[in-house]
Amino acid sequence: MTRPLGYNQTVEAPFFNFATGTPSNTTVNQVWFDSPRSLAAKRDLAVKLGLAGTGVWNLDAITASGGEAAQELRDAMYAATSVCSPATGCK
């Protein structure tokens, strides 16, 4: 059974749980991932600590699923890093 998205305030990251198996032998799985909110939190922590920056894996892979929603998510994640965006270039 899929549950709604959760957000862990301590590590500033979203997650969700899902179950696999049979009713008598169920395994609960947990998936953690980044969102615009979690990327912004990481960026803010890097600034607070005086770090040179942060890094992310290929944000352009988000648009592989296609569609306007994927494009909007990718742009929001780029904006959350406040560094470079295909839409606005580098700041």
Foldseek 3Di string as FASTA:
>chain_A
DWDDWDADPVLGWIKIWDWDDDPVDIDIDMDIDHFLRSLLVVLVVCVVVVHPFDDDPDLVVQCVVPDPVSVVRSQSNVVSRQAADPVPGGD
